[in-house]
Amino acid sequence: MRISEIDLYHLPGWMNAVFEQVEKQCEEELERESETYRKIIKEEHTLLEQFPFLATLADGDEIAEGMELTVEEARALSRFLALEDDRRGIEAVKYYLLGGRGAVEMMELLGLV
């Protein structure tokens, strides 16, 4: 089996716990180290409080009927999606760096470096 064939949604519980731990570590380090990340999170929370329909969209809840948005709501949705994209981009870089750090630590444990 190739790594690309692994279905992340059906991993054993222990592997899922590893991914959750890495996700938590990523978020904690970004919260501590990145002012930009903190601003994104804060603005996302503000938008979610002001426009409750965003939570429905962000959580992937089923939408039973069409939504008619005001101009203000459409702008809020656009901004929220841009923030989500920025946040995920920052997290992707951090995941990459965490993986590199983990690889170096593993090499050190194996005496390869």
N, C-alpha and C. Protein backbone atom coordinates (compact mmCIF):
# COMPACT_ATOMS: atom_id res chain seq x y z
N MET A 1 0.85 -1.19 0.00
CA MET A 1 0.00 0.00 0.00
C MET A 1 0.89 1.24 0.00
N ARG A 2 0.47 2.22 -0.76
CA ARG A 2 1.20 3.48 -0.82
C ARG A 2 0.57 4.47 0.16
N ILE A 3 1.37 5.38 0.63
CA ILE A 3 0.88 6.38 1.60
C ILE A 3 -0.27 7.18 1.01
N SER A 4 -0.25 7.43 -0.29
CA SER A 4 -1.31 8.21 -0.92
C SER A 4 -2.64 7.46 -0.95
N GLU A 5 -2.61 6.16 -0.73
CA GLU A 5 -3.83 5.36 -0.75
C GLU A 5 -4.49 5.24 0.62
N ILE A 6 -3.86 5.78 1.63
CA ILE A 6 -4.41 5.67 3.00
C ILE A 6 -5.59 6.63 3.14
N ASP A 7 -6.69 6.11 3.60
CA ASP A 7 -7.89 6.90 3.86
C ASP A 7 -7.80 7.44 5.28
N LEU A 8 -7.58 8.75 5.40
CA LEU A 8 -7.36 9.36 6.71
C LEU A 8 -8.56 9.22 7.64
N TYR A 9 -9.74 8.97 7.09
CA TYR A 9 -10.93 8.90 7.92
C TYR A 9 -11.15 7.52 8.52
N HIS A 10 -10.35 6.55 8.11
CA HIS A 10 -10.51 5.20 8.63
C HIS A 10 -9.21 4.65 9.20
N LEU A 11 -8.40 5.53 9.73
CA LEU A 11 -7.16 5.11 10.37
C LEU A 11 -7.48 4.50 11.74
N PRO A 12 -6.61 3.65 12.23
CA PRO A 12 -6.81 3.14 13.60
C PRO A 12 -6.82 4.29 14.60
N GLY A 13 -7.44 4.05 15.72
CA GLY A 13 -7.58 5.08 16.75
C GLY A 13 -6.26 5.68 17.18
N TRP A 14 -5.23 4.85 17.32
CA TRP A 14 -3.93 5.37 17.78
C TRP A 14 -3.32 6.32 16.76
N MET A 15 -3.52 6.03 15.47
CA MET A 15 -2.97 6.90 14.44
C MET A 15 -3.74 8.21 14.39
N ASN A 16 -5.04 8.12 14.59
CA ASN A 16 -5.86 9.32 14.65
C ASN A 16 -5.42 10.20 15.82
N ALA A 17 -5.08 9.58 16.94
CA ALA A 17 -4.62 10.33 18.11
C ALA A 17 -3.30 11.05 17.80
N VAL A 18 -2.43 10.42 17.02
CA VAL A 18 -1.17 11.05 16.63
C VAL A 18 -1.46 12.30 15.80
N PHE A 19 -2.37 12.19 14.83
CA PHE A 19 -2.71 13.33 14.00
C PHE A 19 -3.35 14.45 14.81
N GLU A 20 -4.20 14.09 15.76
CA GLU A 20 -4.81 15.10 16.62
C GLU A 20 -3.77 15.80 17.47
N GLN A 21 -2.78 15.06 17.96
CA GLN A 21 -1.72 15.66 18.76
C GLN A 21 -0.88 16.62 17.93
N VAL A 22 -0.57 16.24 16.70
CA VAL A 22 0.20 17.12 15.82
C VAL A 22 -0.60 18.37 15.50
N GLU A 23 -1.89 18.21 15.25
CA GLU A 23 -2.76 19.36 14.98
C GLU A 23 -2.78 20.32 16.17
N LYS A 24 -2.91 19.77 17.36
CA LYS A 24 -2.93 20.58 18.58
C LYS A 24 -1.59 21.30 18.77
N GLN A 25 -0.48 20.58 18.55
CA GLN A 25 0.84 21.18 18.68
C GLN A 25 1.03 22.30 17.67
N CYS A 26 0.57 22.08 16.45
CA CYS A 26 0.67 23.09 15.40
C CYS A 26 -0.07 24.36 15.81
N GLU A 27 -1.31 24.21 16.24
CA GLU A 27 -2.11 25.37 16.63
C GLU A 27 -1.51 26.09 17.83
N GLU A 28 -1.04 25.34 18.82
CA GLU A 28 -0.45 25.96 20.01
C GLU A 28 0.81 26.75 19.66
N GLU A 29 1.67 26.17 18.83
CA GLU A 29 2.90 26.87 18.47
C GLU A 29 2.60 28.11 17.63
N LEU A 30 1.64 28.01 16.72
CA LEU A 30 1.29 29.17 15.91
C LEU A 30 0.67 30.27 16.77
N GLU A 31 -0.19 29.90 17.71
CA GLU A 31 -0.78 30.89 18.62
C GLU A 31 0.30 31.62 19.41
N ARG A 32 1.33 30.88 19.80
CA ARG A 32 2.40 31.45 20.60
C ARG A 32 3.38 32.27 19.76
N GLU A 33 3.64 31.84 18.52
CA GLU A 33 4.72 32.42 17.74
C GLU A 33 4.29 33.43 16.67
N SER A 34 3.04 33.36 16.21
CA SER A 34 2.67 34.14 15.03
C SER A 34 1.57 35.16 15.34
N GLU A 35 1.94 36.43 15.27
CA GLU A 35 0.96 37.50 15.46
C GLU A 35 -0.08 37.47 14.35
N THR A 36 0.35 37.19 13.13
CA THR A 36 -0.57 37.10 12.00
C THR A 36 -1.62 36.02 12.23
N TYR A 37 -1.19 34.86 12.70
CA TYR A 37 -2.11 33.75 12.97
C TYR A 37 -3.11 34.15 14.05
N ARG A 38 -2.63 34.79 15.10
CA ARG A 38 -3.53 35.23 16.18
C ARG A 38 -4.57 36.22 15.67
N LYS A 39 -4.15 37.15 14.80
CA LYS A 39 -5.09 38.12 14.23
C LYS A 39 -6.14 37.43 13.37
N ILE A 40 -5.73 36.45 12.59
CA ILE A 40 -6.67 35.70 11.75
C ILE A 40 -7.70 35.00 12.61
N ILE A 41 -7.24 34.30 13.63
CA ILE A 41 -8.15 33.57 14.52
C ILE A 41 -9.13 34.53 15.18
N LYS A 42 -8.62 35.65 15.67
CA LYS A 42 -9.47 36.64 16.34
C LYS A 42 -10.53 37.19 15.38
N GLU A 43 -10.13 37.53 14.17
CA GLU A 43 -11.09 38.07 13.20
C GLU A 43 -12.12 37.01 12.79
N GLU A 44 -11.68 35.76 12.64
CA GLU A 44 -12.63 34.69 12.34
C GLU A 44 -13.68 34.55 13.44
N HIS A 45 -13.24 34.58 14.69
CA HIS A 45 -14.17 34.47 15.82
C HIS A 45 -15.15 35.65 15.84
N THR A 46 -14.65 36.84 15.55
CA THR A 46 -15.51 38.02 15.51
C THR A 46 -16.58 37.87 14.44
N LEU A 47 -16.17 37.42 13.25
CA LEU A 47 -17.14 37.22 12.16
C LEU A 47 -18.16 36.14 12.51
N LEU A 48 -17.71 35.07 13.15
CA LEU A 48 -18.62 33.99 13.54
C LEU A 48 -19.65 34.48 14.56
N GLU A 49 -19.23 35.38 15.45
CA GLU A 49 -20.16 35.93 16.43
C GLU A 49 -21.16 36.88 15.77
N GLN A 50 -20.70 37.68 14.84
CA GLN A 50 -21.56 38.66 14.19
C GLN A 50 -22.50 38.03 13.17
N PHE A 51 -22.07 36.96 12.52
CA PHE A 51 -22.85 36.33 11.45
C PHE A 51 -22.96 34.83 11.72
N PRO A 52 -23.97 34.43 12.49
CA PRO A 52 -24.11 33.02 12.87
C PRO A 52 -24.20 32.04 11.70
N PHE A 53 -24.69 32.50 10.55
CA PHE A 53 -24.80 31.59 9.40
C PHE A 53 -23.43 31.08 8.94
N LEU A 54 -22.36 31.83 9.25
CA LEU A 54 -21.02 31.40 8.88
C LEU A 54 -20.63 30.11 9.58
N ALA A 55 -21.09 29.94 10.81
CA ALA A 55 -20.77 28.72 11.55
C ALA A 55 -21.38 27.51 10.85
N THR A 56 -22.59 27.66 10.33
CA THR A 56 -23.23 26.57 9.60
C THR A 56 -22.39 26.17 8.39
N LEU A 57 -21.91 27.16 7.67
CA LEU A 57 -21.09 26.88 6.49
C LEU A 57 -19.72 26.33 6.88
N ALA A 58 -19.11 26.89 7.90
CA ALA A 58 -17.77 26.47 8.32
C ALA A 58 -17.77 25.05 8.88
N ASP A 59 -18.84 24.67 9.57
CA ASP A 59 -18.92 23.35 10.17
C ASP A 59 -19.33 22.28 9.17
N GLY A 60 -19.71 22.69 7.97
CA GLY A 60 -20.13 21.72 6.96
C GLY A 60 -21.50 21.14 7.23
N ASP A 61 -22.32 21.85 8.02
CA ASP A 61 -23.67 21.37 8.30
C ASP A 61 -24.49 21.36 7.01
N GLU A 62 -25.44 20.46 6.96
CA GLU A 62 -26.28 20.36 5.78
C GLU A 62 -27.17 21.60 5.66
N ILE A 63 -27.23 22.14 4.46
CA ILE A 63 -28.06 23.31 4.20
C ILE A 63 -29.27 22.82 3.43
N ALA A 64 -30.47 22.98 4.02
CA ALA A 64 -31.69 22.42 3.45
C ALA A 64 -32.27 23.28 2.34
N GLU A 65 -32.01 24.56 2.37
CA GLU A 65 -32.57 25.44 1.35
C GLU A 65 -31.60 26.57 1.06
N GLY A 66 -31.83 27.25 -0.04
CA GLY A 66 -30.96 28.35 -0.45
C GLY A 66 -30.94 29.47 0.57
N MET A 67 -29.87 30.23 0.54
CA MET A 67 -29.74 31.37 1.45
C MET A 67 -29.74 32.64 0.63
N GLU A 68 -30.45 33.62 1.12
CA GLU A 68 -30.40 34.94 0.51
C GLU A 68 -29.60 35.82 1.45
N LEU A 69 -28.46 36.27 0.96
CA LEU A 69 -27.57 37.06 1.79
C LEU A 69 -27.66 38.53 1.42
N THR A 70 -27.54 39.35 2.44
CA THR A 70 -27.44 40.79 2.20
C THR A 70 -26.03 41.07 1.68
N VAL A 71 -25.82 42.28 1.22
CA VAL A 71 -24.49 42.66 0.75
C VAL A 71 -23.49 42.54 1.89
N GLU A 72 -23.90 42.97 3.08
CA GLU A 72 -23.02 42.88 4.25
C GLU A 72 -22.68 41.43 4.57
N GLU A 73 -23.66 40.54 4.50
CA GLU A 73 -23.42 39.12 4.76
C GLU A 73 -22.52 38.50 3.70
N ALA A 74 -22.71 38.89 2.45
CA ALA A 74 -21.86 38.39 1.36
C ALA A 74 -20.42 38.83 1.55
N ARG A 75 -20.24 40.07 1.97
CA ARG A 75 -18.88 40.56 2.24
C ARG A 75 -18.25 39.81 3.41
N ALA A 76 -19.06 39.57 4.44
CA ALA A 76 -18.56 38.82 5.60
C ALA A 76 -18.17 37.41 5.19
N LEU A 77 -18.98 36.77 4.36
CA LEU A 77 -18.66 35.43 3.88
C LEU A 77 -17.36 35.44 3.07
N SER A 78 -17.22 36.41 2.19
CA SER A 78 -16.01 36.53 1.39
C SER A 78 -14.78 36.71 2.28
N ARG A 79 -14.88 37.58 3.27
CA ARG A 79 -13.76 37.82 4.18
C ARG A 79 -13.44 36.57 4.99
N PHE A 80 -14.49 35.89 5.47
CA PHE A 80 -14.30 34.68 6.26
C PHE A 80 -13.58 33.61 5.45
N LEU A 81 -13.99 33.43 4.20
CA LEU A 81 -13.35 32.43 3.34
C LEU A 81 -11.89 32.78 3.07
N ALA A 82 -11.61 34.07 2.89
CA ALA A 82 -10.22 34.51 2.69
C ALA A 82 -9.38 34.23 3.94
N LEU A 83 -9.96 34.51 5.11
CA LEU A 83 -9.25 34.24 6.36
C LEU A 83 -8.99 32.74 6.54
N GLU A 84 -10.00 31.92 6.22
CA GLU A 84 -9.85 30.47 6.32
C GLU A 84 -8.71 29.99 5.42
N ASP A 85 -8.66 30.53 4.21
CA ASP A 85 -7.61 30.16 3.27
C ASP A 85 -6.23 30.56 3.81
N ASP A 86 -6.12 31.76 4.34
CA ASP A 86 -4.86 32.22 4.92
C ASP A 86 -4.44 31.36 6.11
N ARG A 87 -5.41 31.06 6.98
CA ARG A 87 -5.11 30.24 8.17
C ARG A 87 -4.63 28.85 7.76
N ARG A 88 -5.32 28.25 6.82
CA ARG A 88 -4.92 26.90 6.38
C ARG A 88 -3.56 26.91 5.71
N GLY A 89 -3.24 27.98 4.98
CA GLY A 89 -1.92 28.08 4.37
C GLY A 89 -0.82 28.17 5.41
N ILE A 90 -1.04 28.98 6.43
CA ILE A 90 -0.06 29.10 7.52
C ILE A 90 0.10 27.76 8.23
N GLU A 91 -1.02 27.09 8.49
CA GLU A 91 -0.96 25.78 9.16
C GLU A 91 -0.24 24.75 8.31
N ALA A 92 -0.43 24.78 6.99
CA ALA A 92 0.24 23.82 6.11
C ALA A 92 1.76 23.97 6.19
N VAL A 93 2.23 25.21 6.21
CA VAL A 93 3.68 25.46 6.34
C VAL A 93 4.17 24.94 7.68
N LYS A 94 3.40 25.20 8.74
CA LYS A 94 3.80 24.75 10.07
C LYS A 94 3.83 23.22 10.15
N TYR A 95 2.85 22.54 9.55
CA TYR A 95 2.85 21.08 9.52
C TYR A 95 4.11 20.57 8.83
N TYR A 96 4.47 21.21 7.73
CA TYR A 96 5.69 20.83 7.00
C TYR A 96 6.91 20.97 7.90
N LEU A 97 7.01 22.10 8.59
CA LEU A 97 8.15 22.34 9.47
C LEU A 97 8.16 21.37 10.65
N LEU A 98 6.99 21.06 11.20
CA LEU A 98 6.92 20.08 12.29
C LEU A 98 7.37 18.71 11.80
N GLY A 99 6.99 18.36 10.58
CA GLY A 99 7.42 17.08 10.01
C GLY A 99 8.93 17.03 9.83
N GLY A 100 9.50 18.13 9.36
CA GLY A 100 10.96 18.19 9.22
C GLY A 100 11.66 18.06 10.56
N ARG A 101 11.13 18.76 11.55
CA ARG A 101 11.71 18.68 12.89
C ARG A 101 11.61 17.26 13.44
N GLY A 102 10.46 16.62 13.21
CA GLY A 102 10.28 15.24 13.65
C GLY A 102 11.23 14.28 12.95
N ALA A 103 11.47 14.51 11.66
CA ALA A 103 12.40 13.66 10.92
C ALA A 103 13.82 13.79 11.47
N VAL A 104 14.24 15.01 11.77
CA VAL A 104 15.58 15.23 12.33
C VAL A 104 15.68 14.57 13.70
N GLU A 105 14.64 14.71 14.52
CA GLU A 105 14.64 14.07 15.84
C GLU A 105 14.74 12.55 15.72
N MET A 106 14.03 11.99 14.75
CA MET A 106 14.07 10.54 14.53
C MET A 106 15.47 10.11 14.08
N MET A 107 16.09 10.89 13.19
CA MET A 107 17.44 10.58 12.73
C MET A 107 18.44 10.64 13.89
N GLU A 108 18.24 11.62 14.78
CA GLU A 108 19.11 11.72 15.94
C GLU A 108 18.94 10.51 16.85
N LEU A 109 17.69 10.09 17.05
CA LEU A 109 17.44 8.90 17.89
C LEU A 109 18.06 7.64 17.30
N LEU A 110 18.07 7.58 15.97
CA LEU A 110 18.64 6.41 15.29
C LEU A 110 20.15 6.52 15.12
N GLY A 111 20.72 7.65 15.53
CA GLY A 111 22.16 7.85 15.43
C GLY A 111 22.64 8.12 14.01
N LEU A 112 21.76 8.64 13.18
CA LEU A 112 22.11 8.90 11.78
C LEU A 112 22.69 10.29 11.57
N VAL A 113 22.58 11.15 12.59
CA VAL A 113 23.12 12.51 12.46
C VAL A 113 24.07 12.79 13.59
